[in-house]
Protein backbone atom coordinates (compact mmCIF):
# COMPACT_ATOMS: atom_id res chain seq x y z
CA MET A 1 -55.42 60.93 -103.53
CA TRP A 2 -58.22 59.43 -105.58
CA CYS A 3 -61.51 57.74 -106.13
CA ASN A 4 -61.97 58.06 -109.88
CA GLY A 5 -64.18 55.02 -110.35
CA CYS A 6 -62.57 53.95 -107.08
CA ALA A 7 -59.76 52.17 -108.89
CA SER A 8 -56.93 51.19 -106.59
CA ARG A 9 -54.32 53.89 -107.00
CA PRO A 10 -51.59 55.01 -104.63
CA ILE A 11 -51.48 58.08 -102.46
CA TRP A 12 -48.42 59.98 -101.31
CA PHE A 13 -47.35 60.05 -97.67
CA PRO A 14 -44.90 62.94 -97.13
CA GLN A 15 -42.33 62.70 -94.39
CA LYS A 16 -43.53 63.82 -90.98
CA ILE A 17 -41.14 66.29 -89.35
CA ARG A 18 -41.86 67.41 -85.83
CA PRO A 19 -39.40 69.90 -84.34
CA ARG A 20 -38.48 69.46 -80.73
CA ALA A 21 -39.31 72.20 -78.24
CA THR A 22 -36.12 73.86 -77.05
CA SER A 23 -35.22 76.56 -74.59
CA LYS A 24 -32.27 78.93 -74.51
CA THR A 25 -30.45 80.51 -71.56
CA ILE A 26 -28.63 83.82 -71.99
CA GLU A 27 -26.18 84.82 -69.29
CA GLY A 28 -24.54 88.17 -68.66
CA PRO A 29 -24.22 90.98 -66.15
CA PRO A 30 -27.53 92.20 -64.71
CA PRO A 31 -28.70 95.51 -66.19
CA PRO A 32 -29.39 98.42 -63.85
CA GLY A 33 -32.88 98.71 -62.46
CA ASN A 34 -35.15 97.26 -59.91
CA THR A 35 -33.97 93.76 -58.91
CA MET A 36 -37.47 92.52 -58.14
CA ARG A 37 -38.75 93.74 -61.51
CA ARG A 38 -35.92 91.90 -63.28
CA PHE A 39 -36.71 88.76 -61.29
CA ALA A 40 -40.44 88.97 -62.10
CA LEU A 41 -39.68 89.47 -65.79
CA ALA A 42 -37.29 86.51 -65.81
CA ALA A 43 -39.89 84.35 -64.06
CA ALA A 44 -42.55 85.37 -66.59
CA ILE A 45 -40.25 84.46 -69.48
CA LEU A 46 -39.45 81.11 -67.85
CA VAL A 47 -43.15 80.29 -67.36
CA SER A 48 -43.87 81.29 -70.97
CA THR A 49 -41.01 79.10 -72.22
CA LEU A 50 -42.19 76.11 -70.19
CA ALA A 51 -45.78 76.57 -71.37
CA HIS A 52 -44.60 76.68 -74.98
CA ALA A 53 -42.52 73.54 -74.48
CA GLN A 54 -45.51 71.75 -72.99
CA SER A 55 -47.73 72.86 -75.88
CA GLN A 56 -45.21 71.32 -78.29
CA ARG A 57 -46.04 67.84 -77.05
CA GLN A 58 -43.42 65.30 -77.95
CA PRO A 59 -44.81 62.21 -79.70
CA ASP A 60 -44.65 59.00 -77.70
CA ARG A 61 -43.16 55.83 -79.17
CA PHE A 62 -46.55 54.44 -80.19
CA GLU A 63 -47.92 57.61 -81.82
CA THR A 64 -47.36 56.46 -85.40
CA TYR A 65 -49.15 53.17 -84.74
CA ARG A 66 -52.00 54.87 -82.90
CA ARG A 67 -52.57 57.54 -85.54
CA ALA A 68 -52.49 54.95 -88.32
CA THR A 69 -55.43 53.19 -86.63
CA ILE A 70 -58.72 54.54 -87.99
CA SER A 71 -62.37 54.06 -87.07
CA ILE A 72 -64.90 52.77 -89.58
CA GLY A 73 -68.54 53.68 -89.21
CA ARG A 74 -71.80 54.89 -90.64
CA VAL A 75 -73.44 58.30 -90.47
CA ILE A 76 -76.87 57.95 -88.86
CA ASP A 77 -79.54 60.45 -87.88
CA ALA A 78 -81.78 59.48 -84.97
CA GLY A 79 -83.59 62.82 -85.02
CA ASN A 80 -80.93 65.00 -83.41
CA GLY A 81 -78.71 65.50 -86.45
CA PRO A 82 -76.19 63.28 -88.23
CA LYS A 83 -73.77 61.36 -86.01
CA PHE A 84 -70.84 59.05 -86.66
CA SER A 85 -71.55 55.52 -85.42
CA THR A 86 -68.55 53.19 -85.11
CA ILE A 87 -68.84 49.68 -86.56
CA GLY A 88 -65.19 48.64 -86.59
CA SER A 89 -61.54 49.56 -86.79
CA GLY A 90 -58.85 49.52 -89.44
CA VAL A 91 -55.22 50.40 -90.04
CA ILE A 92 -53.39 52.14 -92.87
CA VAL A 93 -50.50 50.07 -94.24
CA SER A 94 -47.87 51.40 -96.64
CA THR A 95 -45.28 49.66 -98.79
CA ASP A 96 -43.38 52.91 -99.42
CA PRO A 97 -44.03 56.68 -99.06
CA ARG A 98 -46.31 56.68 -102.12
CA HIS A 99 -48.37 53.51 -101.75
CA ALA A 100 -50.84 52.67 -99.00
CA VAL A 101 -54.13 50.90 -98.38
CA LEU A 102 -56.68 50.54 -95.60
CA ILE A 103 -56.76 47.08 -94.00
CA THR A 104 -59.68 45.91 -91.86
CA ALA A 105 -61.63 42.77 -91.03
CA LYS A 106 -63.67 41.62 -94.01
CA HIS A 107 -66.87 41.30 -92.00
CA VAL A 108 -66.70 45.03 -91.17
CA VAL A 109 -67.32 45.89 -94.83
CA PHE A 110 -69.05 42.70 -96.02
CA ASP A 111 -71.00 40.25 -93.87
CA PRO A 112 -74.06 38.78 -95.62
CA ARG A 113 -74.95 36.64 -92.58
CA SER A 114 -75.71 39.74 -90.52
CA GLY A 115 -77.05 41.75 -93.45
CA ASN A 116 -74.04 44.08 -93.42
CA ILE A 117 -73.43 44.78 -97.13
CA PRO A 118 -72.92 48.57 -97.27
CA ASP A 119 -72.27 50.51 -100.47
CA VAL A 120 -70.32 53.09 -98.50
CA VAL A 121 -68.77 53.52 -95.06
CA ASN A 122 -67.17 56.53 -93.42
CA ILE A 123 -63.68 56.53 -91.95
CA ARG A 124 -62.36 58.82 -89.27
CA ILE A 125 -58.68 59.42 -88.63
CA PRO A 126 -57.32 60.48 -85.21
CA HIS A 127 -55.77 63.89 -85.69
CA GLY A 128 -54.61 65.19 -82.36
CA ASP A 129 -56.18 67.76 -80.08
CA SER A 130 -58.71 68.94 -82.68
CA ALA A 131 -60.44 65.53 -82.85
CA SER A 132 -64.15 65.75 -82.15
CA ALA A 133 -67.04 63.33 -81.74
CA ASP A 134 -68.95 65.58 -84.18
CA ASP A 135 -66.54 64.65 -86.98
CA LEU A 136 -68.52 62.61 -89.53
CA GLY A 137 -65.38 61.32 -91.21
CA ILE A 138 -64.85 60.80 -94.93
CA PRO A 139 -67.07 58.56 -97.10
CA VAL A 140 -65.40 55.55 -98.69
CA GLN A 141 -67.13 53.91 -101.63
CA LEU A 142 -67.14 50.11 -101.38
CA ILE A 143 -69.09 49.35 -104.56
CA ALA A 144 -68.67 51.05 -107.95
CA ASN A 145 -70.34 50.03 -111.21
CA HIS A 146 -71.94 47.09 -109.36
CA LYS A 147 -68.53 45.72 -108.39
CA ASN A 148 -66.67 45.62 -105.09
CA VAL A 149 -63.71 47.99 -105.02
CA TRP A 150 -62.30 46.28 -101.93
CA GLN A 151 -60.38 43.03 -102.13
CA SER A 152 -59.88 39.96 -99.96
CA LEU A 153 -57.77 36.83 -100.18
CA PRO A 154 -59.10 33.79 -102.06
CA ASP A 155 -58.46 31.55 -99.02
CA GLY A 156 -61.42 33.04 -97.11
CA SER A 157 -59.37 34.97 -94.55
CA ASP A 158 -61.39 37.57 -92.65
CA ILE A 159 -59.40 40.57 -93.87
CA ALA A 160 -60.11 43.15 -96.57
CA ALA A 161 -58.13 45.84 -98.40
CA VAL A 162 -60.05 49.05 -99.09
CA PRO A 163 -58.83 51.91 -101.32
CA LEU A 164 -58.18 55.12 -99.42
CA PRO A 165 -60.15 58.27 -100.29
CA ASN A 166 -58.79 61.82 -100.34
CA LEU A 167 -57.59 62.38 -96.77
CA SER A 168 -56.60 66.05 -97.09
CA LYS A 169 -59.39 66.96 -94.65
CA TYR A 170 -57.10 65.68 -91.90
CA GLY A 171 -54.04 67.61 -93.00
CA ARG A 172 -51.04 67.07 -95.22
CA VAL A 173 -49.55 64.17 -93.29
CA THR A 174 -51.08 60.70 -93.08
CA TYR A 175 -49.63 58.10 -90.73
CA ALA A 176 -49.21 54.51 -91.88
CA ILE A 177 -47.71 51.23 -90.69
CA SER A 178 -44.77 50.22 -92.85
CA VAL A 179 -44.48 46.65 -94.09
CA ASP A 180 -40.94 46.84 -92.71
CA ASP A 181 -42.52 46.72 -89.23
CA PHE A 182 -44.31 43.41 -89.84
CA ALA A 183 -43.59 40.61 -87.37
CA THR A 184 -40.83 38.04 -87.68
CA ASP A 185 -40.32 34.69 -85.93
CA ASP A 186 -38.81 36.59 -83.02
CA ASP A 187 -42.06 38.50 -82.36
CA LEU A 188 -44.80 35.86 -82.30
CA TYR A 189 -44.74 33.29 -79.48
CA PRO A 190 -46.92 32.43 -76.46
CA GLY A 191 -46.34 34.95 -73.69
CA ALA A 192 -45.20 37.79 -75.98
CA SER A 193 -46.51 41.19 -74.84
CA VAL A 194 -49.03 42.79 -77.19
CA MET A 195 -50.66 46.18 -77.65
CA VAL A 196 -54.10 46.28 -79.29
CA PHE A 197 -55.48 49.48 -80.84
CA GLY A 198 -59.13 49.92 -81.79
CA TYR A 199 -62.48 51.56 -81.28
CA PRO A 200 -64.71 49.45 -78.98
CA ALA A 201 -68.21 50.72 -79.72
CA ILE A 202 -69.56 50.08 -76.20
CA LEU A 203 -67.91 53.26 -74.89
CA GLY A 204 -69.80 55.82 -76.99
CA GLU A 205 -68.42 58.18 -79.60
CA ASP A 206 -67.12 60.79 -77.13
CA PHE A 207 -64.36 58.34 -76.19
CA LEU A 208 -63.64 57.19 -79.74
CA THR A 209 -61.98 60.22 -81.32
CA ALA A 210 -58.72 58.30 -80.89
CA PRO A 211 -58.14 54.55 -80.61
CA LEU A 212 -58.02 52.85 -77.24
CA ALA A 213 -54.82 51.03 -76.38
CA ARG A 214 -55.10 47.76 -74.49
CA GLY A 215 -52.33 45.50 -73.32
CA GLY A 216 -52.25 41.75 -73.29
CA LEU A 217 -50.21 38.80 -74.44
CA VAL A 218 -50.13 36.11 -77.08
CA SER A 219 -51.93 33.15 -75.53
CA TRP A 220 -51.70 30.55 -78.33
CA VAL A 221 -50.06 30.07 -81.72
CA ASP A 222 -50.42 27.21 -84.17
CA PRO A 223 -47.24 25.13 -83.80
CA THR A 224 -47.46 24.04 -87.44
CA GLY A 225 -47.09 27.60 -88.73
CA PRO A 226 -47.19 30.43 -86.17
CA LEU A 227 -46.61 33.25 -88.65
CA PHE A 228 -49.09 31.98 -91.22
CA LYS A 229 -52.16 30.91 -89.24
CA ARG A 230 -54.62 32.55 -86.89
CA PHE A 231 -53.47 32.95 -83.30
CA LEU A 232 -55.07 33.96 -80.00
CA ILE A 233 -54.38 36.88 -77.71
CA ASP A 234 -55.43 37.42 -74.11
CA SER A 235 -56.80 40.97 -74.21
CA ASN A 236 -60.17 42.58 -73.61
CA ILE A 237 -61.56 42.45 -77.16
CA VAL A 238 -65.13 43.67 -77.75
CA ASN A 239 -67.35 44.80 -80.64
CA GLY A 240 -65.67 47.62 -82.53
CA ASN A 241 -62.17 46.17 -82.15
CA SER A 242 -62.66 44.09 -85.31
CA GLY A 243 -60.21 45.22 -87.96
CA GLY A 244 -57.85 46.87 -85.48
CA PRO A 245 -54.11 46.16 -85.40
CA VAL A 246 -52.21 44.07 -82.87
CA PHE A 247 -48.55 44.81 -82.14
CA HIS A 248 -45.82 43.00 -80.28
CA GLU A 249 -44.48 45.47 -77.74
CA ARG A 250 -40.75 44.99 -78.03
CA SER A 251 -38.92 45.25 -74.73
CA GLY A 252 -35.33 45.02 -75.94
CA MET A 253 -35.25 41.28 -75.24
CA SER A 254 -35.39 38.64 -77.94
CA ARG A 255 -37.56 35.54 -77.90
CA SER A 256 -34.65 33.51 -76.54
CA GLY A 257 -33.93 36.02 -73.77
CA GLY A 258 -30.99 37.77 -75.41
CA MET A 259 -30.70 41.41 -76.43
CA SER A 260 -32.83 42.46 -79.42
CA MET A 261 -31.21 45.12 -81.60
CA THR A 262 -34.01 47.07 -83.32
CA ASP A 263 -35.04 50.71 -83.63
CA SER A 264 -38.75 49.87 -83.87
CA PRO A 265 -40.69 49.85 -80.56
CA ALA A 266 -43.27 47.42 -81.93
CA ALA A 267 -43.90 44.82 -84.61
CA PHE A 268 -47.21 44.43 -86.43
CA LEU A 269 -48.63 40.99 -85.60
CA GLY A 270 -52.00 41.04 -87.34
CA ILE A 271 -55.66 42.13 -87.40
CA VAL A 272 -58.33 41.40 -84.79
CA VAL A 273 -61.19 39.51 -86.45
CA ALA A 274 -63.24 38.02 -83.59
CA ASN A 275 -63.49 37.44 -79.87
CA ALA A 276 -64.43 34.36 -77.91
CA ALA A 277 -68.16 33.79 -77.45
CA GLU A 278 -70.51 31.23 -75.97
CA ARG A 279 -74.21 30.39 -76.27
CA ALA A 280 -76.18 31.29 -73.15
CA ALA A 281 -79.86 30.83 -72.24
CA VAL A 282 -82.03 33.96 -71.86
CA PHE A 283 -84.08 34.46 -68.65
CA ASP A 284 -86.56 37.13 -67.58
CA GLY A 285 -86.41 39.20 -64.39
CA GLN A 286 -87.86 36.33 -62.38
CA MET A 287 -85.26 33.92 -63.77
CA ASN A 288 -87.85 32.13 -65.90
CA PRO A 289 -86.66 30.87 -69.29
CA VAL A 290 -87.69 33.08 -72.22
CA ASN A 291 -89.21 31.16 -75.11
CA ALA A 292 -89.60 32.04 -78.78
CA VAL A 293 -92.35 30.91 -81.15
CA ASP A 294 -91.61 30.18 -84.79
CA PRO A 295 -94.33 32.15 -86.68
CA GLN A 296 -94.42 29.60 -89.51
CA THR A 297 -94.45 26.30 -87.62
CA GLY A 298 -95.67 27.38 -84.18
CA HIS A 299 -92.75 25.53 -82.63
CA VAL A 300 -91.76 26.85 -79.18
CA SER A 301 -88.12 26.82 -78.16
CA GLN A 302 -86.01 28.48 -75.51
CA MET A 303 -84.17 31.62 -76.55
CA PHE A 304 -80.39 31.73 -76.46
CA ALA A 305 -78.02 34.66 -76.82
CA ARG A 306 -74.43 34.86 -77.98
CA VAL A 307 -72.30 36.20 -75.12
CA LEU A 308 -69.17 37.90 -76.40
CA SER A 309 -65.71 38.48 -74.95
CA ILE A 310 -65.59 35.31 -72.89
CA GLY A 311 -62.31 35.27 -71.00
CA GLY A 312 -61.00 38.27 -72.95
CA ILE A 313 -59.69 36.05 -75.78
CA GLY A 314 -59.29 37.60 -79.23
CA ILE A 315 -58.73 35.88 -82.59
CA VAL A 316 -56.16 37.46 -84.92
CA GLU A 317 -55.40 37.03 -88.62
CA PRO A 318 -51.59 37.07 -88.96
CA ALA A 319 -49.47 39.81 -90.51
CA SER A 320 -48.25 37.40 -93.20
CA LYS A 321 -51.77 37.26 -94.65
CA VAL A 322 -52.05 41.03 -94.45
CA ARG A 323 -48.79 41.34 -96.38
CA LYS A 324 -50.09 38.93 -99.01
CA LEU A 325 -53.26 41.00 -99.38
CA VAL A 326 -51.34 44.28 -99.55
CA ASP A 327 -49.12 42.87 -102.31
CA GLN A 328 -52.21 41.63 -104.13
CA PHE A 329 -53.93 45.03 -103.87
CA ILE A 330 -51.02 47.38 -104.52
CA GLY A 331 -48.69 45.04 -106.36
CA LYS A 332 -45.28 43.84 -105.25
CA ASP A 333 -43.62 46.49 -107.41
CA GLY A 334 -45.87 49.27 -106.06
CA ARG A 335 -48.10 49.63 -109.11
């Protein structure tokens, strides 16, 4: 792992091996002694075996995707000690076991319109039962030697590639989404089931030690190029979801209704970059319009607010653009 001048260099992702919990049964003639004592001992062993099996929790089919989804935030101190404050989501994408990069929405790390131009952000990786809201994450430098170390596409897409820092704080194994799991024509169509992972900031940090999973469906794709242009999903997208991954939840059925032969439970569709919003007038408690006065001109006008998450519609940058950015950042040959 690296950050020597924060040049984009690869990190190594070793293979994750998780043994399955097993139990053994030994049969034979009962030894002499008290029958009830033997029964109690056998029951105690059985309970111990079951407890051990339960403690060795088997990963579910979405665990890799969930644990590759990270939270991006800042460390703030409001007088009661430093706390991690979520500003967005991201996902680790790998081209092979030695090359990976953090992908997020560009406006999470660079948004001049809102004044969000940080030199550094912190990232936090979900790491099982030991995850804590007190975890401040790992700092990630965004600017070095007065230059951005993150990259974006020249076409203005709202996605960014950020070099990963040393992640050894979270253990030897780092989860990542493989480019082999990126969507194909058979995954992206109106009505396709989706799973969205992210860290909606409205919940508070106690609920954000692991990403929230939300279901939904693809509600619209551009007929002139579904895989290459932004599309819409019907899911409850709110602030903090920006930069999080969207997956097609494969059900074993193909787009045409036939059987789909694949070992992957999901396909990566893209990155959440925005939700639907509308302009709404602001009123006081007596339902009187609230006005604002321009301090320079004295002009009085009614105040309006931007209401987010209208209809639960989310806007997604497609996986094809993410792949293009990953190849640009890492290199098609992995250099």
